[in-house]
Amino acid sequence: MLGQANRKEGIRSIRPEKKMATSDKSVTADERRQMVEQAAYFLAEKRGFEAGHELEDWLSAERQIESRLGRCQK
């Protein structure tokens, strides 16, 4: 994510993406989204891409990724 222009000073600042701490490295929000997207795809594929389960696949994929990243909420 590039950041926002500072209109008052006319300077463009660059803000790095937020990192998510894991046990061994940091994962950006975009990397996490990509991981969830891929996991959701594989869940849908396993079901034969039957329509109507998109949200269920996405939420299941989020839980899988959060668990793998060690950020499981209880």
Protein backbone atom coordinates (compact mmCIF):
# COMPACT_ATOMS: atom_id res chain seq x y z
CA MET A 1 0.00 0.00 0.00
CA LEU A 2 1.63 3.24 -1.05
CA GLY A 3 0.21 5.79 1.31
CA GLN A 4 -1.48 9.14 1.05
CA ALA A 5 -0.30 12.48 -0.19
CA ASN A 6 0.15 15.18 2.40
CA ARG A 7 -1.80 17.94 0.65
CA LYS A 8 -0.81 20.71 3.09
CA GLU A 9 2.90 20.26 2.53
CA GLY A 10 2.72 18.86 -1.00
CA ILE A 11 4.80 15.86 0.05
CA ARG A 12 3.85 12.29 -0.69
CA SER A 13 4.53 10.04 2.26
CA ILE A 14 4.80 6.31 1.94
CA ARG A 15 3.36 4.19 4.70
CA PRO A 16 4.45 0.56 4.82
CA GLU A 17 1.75 -2.08 5.05
CA LYS A 18 0.86 -3.18 8.53
CA LYS A 19 2.63 -6.37 9.50
CA MET A 20 1.01 -9.15 11.49
CA ALA A 21 3.31 -10.79 13.98
CA THR A 22 3.72 -14.54 13.81
CA SER A 23 5.99 -16.87 15.66
CA ASP A 24 8.69 -16.83 12.98
CA LYS A 25 8.02 -13.85 10.68
CA SER A 26 5.65 -11.02 9.91
CA VAL A 27 2.83 -11.28 7.39
CA THR A 28 1.28 -8.23 5.74
CA ALA A 29 -2.47 -7.81 5.59
CA ASP A 30 -2.29 -8.35 1.82
CA GLU A 31 -0.30 -11.58 2.23
CA ARG A 32 -2.84 -12.80 4.78
CA ARG A 33 -5.72 -12.01 2.42
CA GLN A 34 -3.99 -13.92 -0.37
CA MET A 35 -3.49 -16.90 1.92
CA VAL A 36 -7.17 -16.85 2.91
CA GLU A 37 -8.20 -16.48 -0.73
CA GLN A 38 -6.17 -19.52 -1.74
CA ALA A 39 -7.43 -21.62 1.18
CA ALA A 40 -11.05 -20.67 0.36
CA TYR A 41 -10.48 -21.67 -3.26
CA PHE A 42 -9.21 -25.10 -2.23
CA LEU A 43 -12.18 -25.58 0.10
CA ALA A 44 -14.55 -24.74 -2.76
CA GLU A 45 -12.65 -27.02 -5.11
CA LYS A 46 -12.90 -29.87 -2.60
CA ARG A 47 -16.70 -29.39 -2.61
CA GLY A 48 -16.87 -29.32 -6.40
CA PHE A 49 -17.46 -25.52 -6.52
CA GLU A 50 -21.07 -25.95 -5.44
CA ALA A 51 -22.66 -22.49 -5.35
CA GLY A 52 -23.98 -20.94 -2.16
CA HIS A 53 -21.07 -21.76 0.14
CA GLU A 54 -18.76 -18.83 -0.63
CA LEU A 55 -19.05 -17.13 2.76
CA GLU A 56 -18.73 -20.42 4.61
CA ASP A 57 -15.57 -21.23 2.61
CA TRP A 58 -14.09 -17.79 3.28
CA LEU A 59 -14.75 -17.92 7.03
CA SER A 60 -13.37 -21.46 7.28
CA ALA A 61 -10.30 -20.38 5.35
CA GLU A 62 -9.81 -17.41 7.71
CA ARG A 63 -9.92 -19.76 10.70
CA GLN A 64 -7.39 -22.08 9.06
CA ILE A 65 -4.98 -19.26 8.29
CA GLU A 66 -5.34 -17.64 11.72
CA SER A 67 -4.58 -21.00 13.28
CA ARG A 68 -1.52 -21.49 11.09
CA LEU A 69 -0.28 -18.00 11.90
CA GLY A 70 -0.74 -18.65 15.60
CA ARG A 71 -3.35 -15.91 16.00
CA CYS A 72 -6.34 -18.09 16.85
CA GLN A 73 -8.91 -16.15 18.87
CA LYS A 74 -10.70 -17.87 21.71
